[in-house]
Amino acid sequence: MMTIDVIIPVYKPGNTLKKLIKTLEYQTCQIQKIWLMHTEDGADLSWVQEALIPVEEILIPKDAYDH
């Protein structure tokens, strides 16, 4: 069976991100890992470790973007 990784760009995450990750847990295509490309905004994403799929956060520092 083929597996995939999912990359999600994240800025000021909220309940929508939680719903998205829950939805991804029940897809027919097996997801190996979810990557969150998260811009540094002070949001706490520690809750993602409760997901059924491994989640990796890649933090993008403020000096790497201009918004």
Protein backbone atom coordinates (compact mmCIF):
# COMPACT_ATOMS: atom_id res chain seq x y z
CA MET A 1 0.00 0.00 0.00
CA MET A 2 1.28 3.44 -0.92
CA THR A 3 1.69 5.99 1.86
CA ILE A 4 1.98 9.76 1.61
CA ASP A 5 3.15 12.70 3.69
CA VAL A 6 0.96 15.80 4.01
CA ILE A 7 2.47 19.30 4.23
CA ILE A 8 0.27 22.03 5.73
CA PRO A 9 1.39 25.67 5.80
CA VAL A 10 0.18 27.13 9.12
CA TYR A 11 -0.24 30.72 10.29
CA LYS A 12 -2.21 31.49 13.46
CA PRO A 13 -3.71 28.00 13.75
CA GLY A 14 -7.05 27.45 15.40
CA ASN A 15 -9.92 24.96 15.45
CA THR A 16 -9.84 24.62 11.67
CA LEU A 17 -6.40 22.99 11.87
CA LYS A 18 -7.64 20.58 14.56
CA LYS A 19 -10.58 19.60 12.35
CA LEU A 20 -8.30 19.15 9.35
CA ILE A 21 -5.93 16.82 11.21
CA LYS A 22 -8.86 14.78 12.56
CA THR A 23 -10.23 14.49 9.01
CA LEU A 24 -6.85 13.35 7.68
CA GLU A 25 -6.78 10.54 10.24
CA TYR A 26 -9.70 8.86 8.47
CA GLN A 27 -8.64 9.13 4.81
CA THR A 28 -8.51 5.99 2.69
CA CYS A 29 -4.97 6.76 1.52
CA GLN A 30 -2.59 5.99 4.38
CA ILE A 31 -0.77 9.08 5.67
CA GLN A 32 2.71 8.40 7.02
CA LYS A 33 3.36 11.85 8.50
CA ILE A 34 1.87 15.35 8.65
CA TRP A 35 4.34 18.24 8.35
CA LEU A 36 3.23 21.62 9.71
CA MET A 37 5.19 24.50 8.18
CA HIS A 38 4.44 26.93 11.00
CA THR A 39 5.38 30.60 10.97
CA GLU A 40 6.50 31.80 14.38
CA ASP A 41 3.43 33.50 15.87
CA GLY A 42 3.49 32.27 19.46
CA ALA A 43 0.73 29.68 18.98
CA ASP A 44 1.04 26.50 21.04
CA LEU A 45 0.79 23.40 18.86
CA SER A 46 1.65 20.85 21.54
CA TRP A 47 -1.85 19.36 21.14
CA VAL A 48 -0.88 17.91 17.73
CA GLN A 49 1.05 15.15 19.50
CA GLU A 50 -2.34 13.63 20.40
CA ALA A 51 -3.06 12.92 16.71
CA LEU A 52 -3.17 9.32 15.49
CA ILE A 53 -0.74 10.23 12.70
CA PRO A 54 2.79 11.43 13.55
CA VAL A 55 2.98 15.23 13.24
CA GLU A 56 6.22 17.15 12.77
CA GLU A 57 6.35 20.92 13.21
CA ILE A 58 8.85 22.93 11.19
CA LEU A 59 9.09 26.39 12.72
CA ILE A 60 9.84 29.26 10.34
CA PRO A 61 11.43 32.18 12.24
CA LYS A 62 10.03 35.69 11.81
CA ASP A 63 13.15 36.94 10.01
CA ALA A 64 12.58 34.35 7.26
CA TYR A 65 9.33 35.94 6.05
CA ASP A 66 8.00 39.47 5.59
CA HIS A 67 4.34 39.40 6.72
